[in-house]
Each structure stands twice: as C-alpha cells, then as structure tokens.
Amino acid sequence: MQDIKLKITDRNGDTHEIMAPTDMSMNLMEVIRSYELAEEGTIGVCGGMAMCASCQVYVVEGSEKLQEMGDEEDAMLSEAFHVEKNSRLGCQIHITKEIDGLEVVVAPYP
C-alpha cells in the first residue's frame, strides 16, 4: 500500500493536505467526499459517471501528472458552469502514485 499526498482547497477557501490510498481504486471525487471537503449532495451527484460536473476541480499544480482528458469529460466540461482552462472532473482523476503532490481547488457548485 502506498498513500500519496494531495492538497485540496475546498469551496470555503480552506486548504487541506491529505493522504489518499492508491490501492483502493478511488478517484479524486471519492476522496473529496470521504474527507467531507464538500457538502453532502453537492459533489459526485451523478455517482462519478462524468455526467454532472459537480466534482469539477481546478488543477493548480501537477497537471502534467494527469492522464489526458477523455471525450466524455471534455463534453461534460463544455456544458458546465464555472469552467476554466485548468478545469477537470474529479471523478476522472484516478488516485495513483503518479499524481502524488497534485494540488486542486474544488470549483463552485452551480
């Protein structure tokens, strides 16, 4: 088992340095939910299917560590609110050792 360090700024502007497990097949949205860094019912509304953008984050540091955005994620972000150049869907960012040190800000909820 190997945990990685993530830095997540929640919607209130509070920054949290957390450890996330790489051996549980989790994604960033699930980590944010498990640490309760967003109000219940405002993140992962679609269950992580890239269909709602409630888990949108802004990648501040470490974007080069992420896998390329897929077509479904790109399509969802083209319809979402508050999209920036560094927007990604948390449900599409898998927790792997390669993203150790990733820093994100949780986007506002529509």
C-alpha atoms as a PDB file:
ATOM      1  CA  MET A   1       0.000   0.000   0.000  1.00  0.00           C
ATOM      2  CA  GLN A   2       1.224   3.464  -0.883  1.00  0.00           C
ATOM      3  CA  ASP A   3      -0.530   6.657   0.096  1.00  0.00           C
ATOM      4  CA  ILE A   4       0.001   9.882  -1.796  1.00  0.00           C
ATOM      5  CA  LYS A   5      -0.235  13.466  -0.628  1.00  0.00           C
ATOM      6  CA  LEU A   6      -2.850  15.763  -2.162  1.00  0.00           C
ATOM      7  CA  LYS A   7      -3.556  19.416  -1.477  1.00  0.00           C
ATOM      8  CA  ILE A   8      -7.238  20.277  -1.841  1.00  0.00           C
ATOM      9  CA  THR A   9      -8.761  23.714  -1.328  1.00  0.00           C
ATOM     10  CA  ASP A  10     -12.459  23.403  -0.542  1.00  0.00           C
ATOM     11  CA  ARG A  11     -15.273  25.737  -1.607  1.00  0.00           C
ATOM     12  CA  ASN A  12     -14.802  27.822   1.554  1.00  0.00           C
ATOM     13  CA  GLY A  13     -11.183  28.553   0.625  1.00  0.00           C
ATOM     14  CA  ASP A  14      -9.702  26.259   3.292  1.00  0.00           C
ATOM     15  CA  THR A  15      -6.719  24.194   2.144  1.00  0.00           C
ATOM     16  CA  HIS A  16      -6.327  20.606   3.312  1.00  0.00           C
ATOM     17  CA  GLU A  17      -3.222  18.460   2.910  1.00  0.00           C
ATOM     18  CA  ILE A  18      -4.471  14.908   2.915  1.00  0.00           C
ATOM     19  CA  MET A  19      -3.199  11.408   2.299  1.00  0.00           C
ATOM     20  CA  ALA A  20      -5.049   9.254  -0.231  1.00  0.00           C
ATOM     21  CA  PRO A  21      -4.636   5.495  -0.758  1.00  0.00           C
ATOM     22  CA  THR A  22      -3.505   4.240  -4.155  1.00  0.00           C
ATOM     23  CA  ASP A  23      -4.681   0.672  -3.550  1.00  0.00           C
ATOM     24  CA  MET A  24      -8.448   1.220  -3.343  1.00  0.00           C
ATOM     25  CA  SER A  25      -9.288   2.196  -6.963  1.00  0.00           C
ATOM     26  CA  MET A  26     -10.572   5.584  -5.825  1.00  0.00           C
ATOM     27  CA  ASN A  27     -10.896   8.778  -7.801  1.00  0.00           C
ATOM     28  CA  LEU A  28     -10.445  12.352  -6.609  1.00  0.00           C
ATOM     29  CA  MET A  29     -14.193  12.943  -6.243  1.00  0.00           C
ATOM     30  CA  GLU A  30     -14.452   9.963  -3.875  1.00  0.00           C
ATOM     31  CA  VAL A  31     -11.502  11.232  -1.840  1.00  0.00           C
ATOM     32  CA  ILE A  32     -13.103  14.668  -1.511  1.00  0.00           C
ATOM     33  CA  ARG A  33     -16.335  13.007  -0.366  1.00  0.00           C
ATOM     34  CA  SER A  34     -14.611  10.685   2.096  1.00  0.00           C
ATOM     35  CA  TYR A  35     -12.786  13.603   3.742  1.00  0.00           C
ATOM     36  CA  GLU A  36     -16.056  15.616   3.691  1.00  0.00           C
ATOM     37  CA  LEU A  37     -14.426  18.536   1.862  1.00  0.00           C
ATOM     38  CA  ALA A  38     -17.691  19.429   0.125  1.00  0.00           C
ATOM     39  CA  GLU A  39     -21.246  19.495   1.414  1.00  0.00           C
ATOM     40  CA  GLU A  40     -23.158  16.247   1.028  1.00  0.00           C
ATOM     41  CA  GLY A  41     -25.234  16.336  -2.157  1.00  0.00           C
ATOM     42  CA  THR A  42     -23.011  18.909  -3.889  1.00  0.00           C
ATOM     43  CA  ILE A  43     -20.269  16.651  -5.235  1.00  0.00           C
ATOM     44  CA  GLY A  44     -20.494  13.447  -7.229  1.00  0.00           C
ATOM     45  CA  VAL A  45     -24.193  13.924  -7.850  1.00  0.00           C
ATOM     46  CA  CYS A  46     -24.104  11.549 -10.865  1.00  0.00           C
ATOM     47  CA  GLY A  47     -22.065   8.971  -8.964  1.00  0.00           C
ATOM     48  CA  GLY A  48     -18.863   9.554 -10.890  1.00  0.00           C
ATOM     49  CA  MET A  49     -20.149   8.946 -14.403  1.00  0.00           C
ATOM     50  CA  ALA A  50     -18.851  12.265 -15.878  1.00  0.00           C
ATOM     51  CA  MET A  51     -22.444  13.394 -16.353  1.00  0.00           C
ATOM     52  CA  CYS A  52     -22.919  16.342 -13.985  1.00  0.00           C
ATOM     53  CA  ALA A  53     -19.659  18.284 -13.359  1.00  0.00           C
ATOM     54  CA  SER A  54     -20.474  18.652  -9.638  1.00  0.00           C
ATOM     55  CA  CYS A  55     -16.964  17.312  -8.928  1.00  0.00           C
ATOM     56  CA  GLN A  56     -15.200  19.880 -11.105  1.00  0.00           C
ATOM     57  CA  VAL A  57     -11.824  20.992  -9.789  1.00  0.00           C
ATOM     58  CA  TYR A  58      -9.209  23.485 -10.923  1.00  0.00           C
ATOM     59  CA  VAL A  59      -5.773  21.904 -11.176  1.00  0.00           C
ATOM     60  CA  VAL A  60      -3.303  24.318  -9.591  1.00  0.00           C
ATOM     61  CA  GLU A  61      -0.201  22.124  -9.534  1.00  0.00           C
ATOM     62  CA  GLY A  62       0.567  18.796 -11.182  1.00  0.00           C
ATOM     63  CA  SER A  63      -1.494  18.900 -14.376  1.00  0.00           C
ATOM     64  CA  GLU A  64       1.402  17.244 -16.223  1.00  0.00           C
ATOM     65  CA  LYS A  65       0.926  14.196 -13.967  1.00  0.00           C
ATOM     66  CA  LEU A  66      -2.664  13.595 -15.084  1.00  0.00           C
ATOM     67  CA  GLN A  67      -3.851  11.363 -17.874  1.00  0.00           C
ATOM     68  CA  GLU A  68      -5.174  13.155 -20.920  1.00  0.00           C
ATOM     69  CA  MET A  69      -8.809  14.234 -20.763  1.00  0.00           C
ATOM     70  CA  GLY A  70     -11.218  11.779 -22.387  1.00  0.00           C
ATOM     71  CA  ASP A  71     -14.060  12.676 -24.753  1.00  0.00           C
ATOM     72  CA  GLU A  72     -16.798  12.253 -22.112  1.00  0.00           C
ATOM     73  CA  GLU A  73     -15.027  14.542 -19.644  1.00  0.00           C
ATOM     74  CA  ASP A  74     -14.350  17.133 -22.352  1.00  0.00           C
ATOM     75  CA  ALA A  75     -18.004  17.056 -23.453  1.00  0.00           C
ATOM     76  CA  MET A  76     -19.276  17.468 -19.884  1.00  0.00           C
ATOM     77  CA  LEU A  77     -16.955  20.383 -19.177  1.00  0.00           C
ATOM     78  CA  SER A  78     -18.098  22.099 -22.397  1.00  0.00           C
ATOM     79  CA  GLU A  79     -21.592  22.297 -20.833  1.00  0.00           C
ATOM     80  CA  ALA A  80     -20.631  23.010 -17.207  1.00  0.00           C
ATOM     81  CA  PHE A  81     -20.646  26.252 -15.201  1.00  0.00           C
ATOM     82  CA  HIS A  82     -17.504  27.966 -13.848  1.00  0.00           C
ATOM     83  CA  VAL A  83     -15.171  26.206 -16.320  1.00  0.00           C
ATOM     84  CA  GLU A  84     -11.577  27.445 -16.512  1.00  0.00           C
ATOM     85  CA  LYS A  85      -8.622  26.383 -18.670  1.00  0.00           C
ATOM     86  CA  ASN A  86      -7.400  24.150 -15.827  1.00  0.00           C
ATOM     87  CA  SER A  87     -10.774  22.500 -15.117  1.00  0.00           C
ATOM     88  CA  ARG A  88     -11.022  18.735 -14.734  1.00  0.00           C
ATOM     89  CA  LEU A  89     -13.667  16.386 -13.348  1.00  0.00           C
ATOM     90  CA  GLY A  90     -12.577  14.837 -10.056  1.00  0.00           C
ATOM     91  CA  CYS A  91     -14.337  11.585 -10.924  1.00  0.00           C
ATOM     92  CA  GLN A  92     -11.998  11.190 -13.885  1.00  0.00           C
ATOM     93  CA  ILE A  93      -8.785  11.669 -11.870  1.00  0.00           C
ATOM     94  CA  HIS A  94      -7.765   8.267 -10.557  1.00  0.00           C
ATOM     95  CA  ILE A  95      -5.691   8.070  -7.378  1.00  0.00           C
ATOM     96  CA  THR A  96      -2.356   6.652  -8.463  1.00  0.00           C
ATOM     97  CA  LYS A  97       1.197   7.137  -7.250  1.00  0.00           C
ATOM     98  CA  GLU A  98       1.872   9.248 -10.367  1.00  0.00           C
ATOM     99  CA  ILE A  99      -0.312  12.106  -9.101  1.00  0.00           C
ATOM    100  CA  ASP A 100       1.464  12.455  -5.753  1.00  0.00           C
ATOM    101  CA  GLY A 101       1.604  16.161  -4.880  1.00  0.00           C
ATOM    102  CA  LEU A 102      -1.408  17.140  -7.008  1.00  0.00           C
ATOM    103  CA  GLU A 103      -2.974  20.432  -5.902  1.00  0.00           C
ATOM    104  CA  VAL A 104      -6.569  21.316  -6.763  1.00  0.00           C
ATOM    105  CA  VAL A 105      -9.305  23.771  -5.863  1.00  0.00           C
ATOM    106  CA  VAL A 106     -12.892  22.489  -5.764  1.00  0.00           C
ATOM    107  CA  ALA A 107     -14.956  24.560  -8.214  1.00  0.00           C
ATOM    108  CA  PRO A 108     -18.097  26.376  -7.018  1.00  0.00           C
ATOM    109  CA  TYR A 109     -21.296  24.353  -7.067  1.00  0.00           C
ATOM    110  CA  PRO A 110     -23.783  25.711  -9.593  1.00  0.00           C
END
